[in-house]
Amino acid sequence: MPYEIKRENNLTVVKSEPPPHELVAKMARYIVHKSDWTALATISTHAPIAGYPFANIFSVSDGPVHISKGVPYFYLTDMEISVQDLKEDARTTITMSLAQTHFCKKHQYDPEDPLCAHVILTGKLVRVTDPSEKSFARKALFSRHPEMKDWPKDHGWWFGKLVISKICLLDYFGGVKDVDLAEYFATSPL
């Protein structure tokens, strides 16, 4: 797949086209790697909506622009309402879309158009405790979201990751496709 690496606003940017829709694991990895943010859903623990689904936006990264692990990493604080929900029930679903890139606008695809692919990942959000993985999560997030390193130190920030149990992909007509987890982690997004 053709791609170019260049510098924009002091950041390294990898520009590439999405893979063919038949390569479902590669497309899922591509979307996760290209996305800088995600919608994250929890089950609310807060009155008066306790028990209802609750969606929120979070910055995310699966690695610096030239490295992808396929694991969505987050920089979180217990002060955040969705994180409070996750402390009660760590199950969550996140979704990311090519609508976050220039691809869908360039082709004039509406975000709901199946050609404007999106991926849905379900699993548990857990705290990263391994020191080398924590170092990678820091590099992954701070390289894509440099302002994070200056966020208030007294907020108790910590690194989290989604332990993925299921991946669904809608990237063409014909309905959603289940993505094999082993294949997802074995492929490269570039």
Foldseek 3Di string as FASTA:
>chain_A
DDWDWDDDPNAIAIDDDFDPVVLPLLNLQLQQAPDQKKKKWFQACDPPRHRHIDIDMFGWHQAGNVDGQSWTKGKDFCVDRVVVRCVVPQKMKIKTWLVRPCVCVVVVHDRVALQRKMKMFIAGKDFDDDVVVQVRSCRGNCSSVVCVVVPDPVRPITMIIGPTDWMWMRNHPDDIDTDDPVSNSVDHND
